[in-house]
Amino acid sequence: MKQRYRRPDIQRLLERRSRHGLTFREISEESGIPIPTLSYWAAKVRREAEDDEPASTRFVSVNVIDDERPGRIAIELGSAIRVTVERGFDDEHLTRVLSVLARC
């Protein structure tokens, strides 16, 4: 028989994972909930949050400082995705990468 998990319990574990930077494996070992189940719930909660959020609040404004020092931009999309962009990047390539990530 398939085990059922209560949504509040799963959400509490996922929030703890995010807050403390824990892996699905660590949460799974602690709770006894299989990694695929935790991953499924994380994706489900993320999709629901995105659906509830108006599109206009998904973007934030940034200040771009043009200087001569080498640098990079780090973009964090939730707790699972981080994109680092070095100075002199190909903007068309970055656009394609972000487009693929947006569909995930």
C-alpha atoms as a PDB file:
ATOM      1  CA  MET A   1       0.000   0.000   0.000  1.00  0.00           C
ATOM      2  CA  LYS A   2       1.295   3.429  -0.942  1.00  0.00           C
ATOM      3  CA  GLN A   3       2.266   5.663   1.981  1.00  0.00           C
ATOM      4  CA  ARG A   4       0.407   8.984   2.229  1.00  0.00           C
ATOM      5  CA  TYR A   5       2.096  12.066   3.643  1.00  0.00           C
ATOM      6  CA  ARG A   6       0.378  15.111   5.062  1.00  0.00           C
ATOM      7  CA  ARG A   7       0.972  18.300   3.108  1.00  0.00           C
ATOM      8  CA  PRO A   8       1.782  20.444   6.197  1.00  0.00           C
ATOM      9  CA  ASP A   9       4.456  17.929   7.246  1.00  0.00           C
ATOM     10  CA  ILE A  10       6.028  17.904   3.780  1.00  0.00           C
ATOM     11  CA  GLN A  11       5.925  21.709   3.540  1.00  0.00           C
ATOM     12  CA  ARG A  12       7.583  22.006   6.952  1.00  0.00           C
ATOM     13  CA  LEU A  13      10.396  19.704   5.821  1.00  0.00           C
ATOM     14  CA  LEU A  14      10.846  21.579   2.522  1.00  0.00           C
ATOM     15  CA  GLU A  15      10.970  24.928   4.311  1.00  0.00           C
ATOM     16  CA  ARG A  16      13.582  23.535   6.691  1.00  0.00           C
ATOM     17  CA  ARG A  17      15.558  22.204   3.706  1.00  0.00           C
ATOM     18  CA  SER A  18      15.533  25.621   2.077  1.00  0.00           C
ATOM     19  CA  ARG A  19      16.288  27.533   5.264  1.00  0.00           C
ATOM     20  CA  HIS A  20      19.253  25.343   6.256  1.00  0.00           C
ATOM     21  CA  GLY A  21      20.526  24.392   2.789  1.00  0.00           C
ATOM     22  CA  LEU A  22      19.892  20.691   3.350  1.00  0.00           C
ATOM     23  CA  THR A  23      19.782  18.123   0.564  1.00  0.00           C
ATOM     24  CA  PHE A  24      16.830  15.905  -0.272  1.00  0.00           C
ATOM     25  CA  ARG A  25      18.968  12.974   0.899  1.00  0.00           C
ATOM     26  CA  GLU A  26      19.499  14.532   4.336  1.00  0.00           C
ATOM     27  CA  ILE A  27      15.789  15.287   4.732  1.00  0.00           C
ATOM     28  CA  SER A  28      14.919  11.793   3.478  1.00  0.00           C
ATOM     29  CA  GLU A  29      17.256  10.078   5.929  1.00  0.00           C
ATOM     30  CA  GLU A  30      15.898  12.151   8.794  1.00  0.00           C
ATOM     31  CA  SER A  31      12.202  11.795   7.953  1.00  0.00           C
ATOM     32  CA  GLY A  32      12.039   8.414   6.229  1.00  0.00           C
ATOM     33  CA  ILE A  33      10.264   9.999   3.254  1.00  0.00           C
ATOM     34  CA  PRO A  34      11.745   8.819  -0.083  1.00  0.00           C
ATOM     35  CA  ILE A  35      13.761  11.345  -2.115  1.00  0.00           C
ATOM     36  CA  PRO A  36      11.431  11.086  -5.167  1.00  0.00           C
ATOM     37  CA  THR A  37       8.461  11.947  -2.945  1.00  0.00           C
ATOM     38  CA  LEU A  38      10.242  14.998  -1.520  1.00  0.00           C
ATOM     39  CA  SER A  39      11.301  16.083  -5.012  1.00  0.00           C
ATOM     40  CA  TYR A  40       7.734  15.689  -6.323  1.00  0.00           C
ATOM     41  CA  TRP A  41       6.328  17.803  -3.494  1.00  0.00           C
ATOM     42  CA  ALA A  42       9.021  20.474  -3.907  1.00  0.00           C
ATOM     43  CA  ALA A  43       8.141  20.850  -7.597  1.00  0.00           C
ATOM     44  CA  LYS A  44       4.399  20.852  -6.839  1.00  0.00           C
ATOM     45  CA  VAL A  45       4.718  23.543  -4.151  1.00  0.00           C
ATOM     46  CA  ARG A  46       6.980  25.648  -6.413  1.00  0.00           C
ATOM     47  CA  ARG A  47       4.510  25.421  -9.340  1.00  0.00           C
ATOM     48  CA  GLU A  48       1.597  26.368  -7.112  1.00  0.00           C
ATOM     49  CA  ALA A  49       3.504  29.363  -5.742  1.00  0.00           C
ATOM     50  CA  GLU A  50       4.323  30.503  -9.281  1.00  0.00           C
ATOM     51  CA  ASP A  51       0.686  30.086 -10.363  1.00  0.00           C
ATOM     52  CA  ASP A  52      -0.511  32.182  -7.409  1.00  0.00           C
ATOM     53  CA  GLU A  53       2.064  34.903  -8.026  1.00  0.00           C
ATOM     54  CA  PRO A  54       1.191  37.609 -10.551  1.00  0.00           C
ATOM     55  CA  ALA A  55       3.648  37.698 -13.441  1.00  0.00           C
ATOM     56  CA  SER A  56       4.597  41.295 -12.640  1.00  0.00           C
ATOM     57  CA  THR A  57       6.093  40.247  -9.289  1.00  0.00           C
ATOM     58  CA  ARG A  58       8.368  37.594 -10.728  1.00  0.00           C
ATOM     59  CA  PHE A  59      10.979  40.124 -11.801  1.00  0.00           C
ATOM     60  CA  VAL A  60      12.944  42.592  -9.766  1.00  0.00           C
ATOM     61  CA  SER A  61      14.789  45.650 -10.968  1.00  0.00           C
ATOM     62  CA  VAL A  62      18.557  45.708 -10.698  1.00  0.00           C
ATOM     63  CA  ASN A  63      21.131  48.441 -10.909  1.00  0.00           C
ATOM     64  CA  VAL A  64      23.867  47.702 -13.417  1.00  0.00           C
ATOM     65  CA  ILE A  65      27.157  49.350 -12.632  1.00  0.00           C
ATOM     66  CA  ASP A  66      29.470  49.748 -15.598  1.00  0.00           C
ATOM     67  CA  ASP A  67      33.047  49.606 -14.438  1.00  0.00           C
ATOM     68  CA  GLU A  68      36.342  48.359 -15.800  1.00  0.00           C
ATOM     69  CA  ARG A  69      36.939  45.686 -13.168  1.00  0.00           C
ATOM     70  CA  PRO A  70      36.351  42.069 -14.107  1.00  0.00           C
ATOM     71  CA  GLY A  71      33.255  40.723 -12.465  1.00  0.00           C
ATOM     72  CA  ARG A  72      30.384  38.353 -12.656  1.00  0.00           C
ATOM     73  CA  ILE A  73      26.670  38.199 -12.037  1.00  0.00           C
ATOM     74  CA  ALA A  74      25.150  35.412  -9.951  1.00  0.00           C
ATOM     75  CA  ILE A  75      21.458  34.724 -10.455  1.00  0.00           C
ATOM     76  CA  GLU A  76      19.691  32.477  -7.957  1.00  0.00           C
ATOM     77  CA  LEU A  77      16.380  30.979  -8.998  1.00  0.00           C
ATOM     78  CA  GLY A  78      15.005  29.399  -5.860  1.00  0.00           C
ATOM     79  CA  SER A  79      17.195  27.112  -3.798  1.00  0.00           C
ATOM     80  CA  ALA A  80      18.089  24.674  -6.569  1.00  0.00           C
ATOM     81  CA  ILE A  81      19.326  26.795  -9.481  1.00  0.00           C
ATOM     82  CA  ARG A  82      22.219  29.234  -9.625  1.00  0.00           C
ATOM     83  CA  VAL A  83      23.474  30.799 -12.862  1.00  0.00           C
ATOM     84  CA  THR A  84      26.810  32.618 -12.870  1.00  0.00           C
ATOM     85  CA  VAL A  85      27.478  34.986 -15.745  1.00  0.00           C
ATOM     86  CA  GLU A  86      31.010  36.171 -16.411  1.00  0.00           C
ATOM     87  CA  ARG A  87      31.802  39.576 -17.875  1.00  0.00           C
ATOM     88  CA  GLY A  88      31.655  39.500 -21.681  1.00  0.00           C
ATOM     89  CA  PHE A  89      28.958  36.798 -21.850  1.00  0.00           C
ATOM     90  CA  ASP A  90      26.986  36.090 -25.011  1.00  0.00           C
ATOM     91  CA  ASP A  91      23.554  37.599 -24.301  1.00  0.00           C
ATOM     92  CA  GLU A  92      21.774  35.410 -26.874  1.00  0.00           C
ATOM     93  CA  HIS A  93      23.174  32.278 -25.248  1.00  0.00           C
ATOM     94  CA  LEU A  94      22.129  33.498 -21.791  1.00  0.00           C
ATOM     95  CA  THR A  95      18.637  34.231 -23.122  1.00  0.00           C
ATOM     96  CA  ARG A  96      18.376  30.645 -24.404  1.00  0.00           C
ATOM     97  CA  VAL A  97      19.607  29.218 -21.085  1.00  0.00           C
ATOM     98  CA  LEU A  98      17.119  31.275 -19.066  1.00  0.00           C
ATOM     99  CA  SER A  99      14.345  30.303 -21.472  1.00  0.00           C
ATOM    100  CA  VAL A 100      15.056  26.611 -20.854  1.00  0.00           C
ATOM    101  CA  LEU A 101      15.191  27.148 -17.083  1.00  0.00           C
ATOM    102  CA  ALA A 102      11.866  28.996 -17.144  1.00  0.00           C
ATOM    103  CA  ARG A 103      10.216  25.898 -18.607  1.00  0.00           C
ATOM    104  CA  CYS A 104      11.532  23.645 -15.815  1.00  0.00           C
END
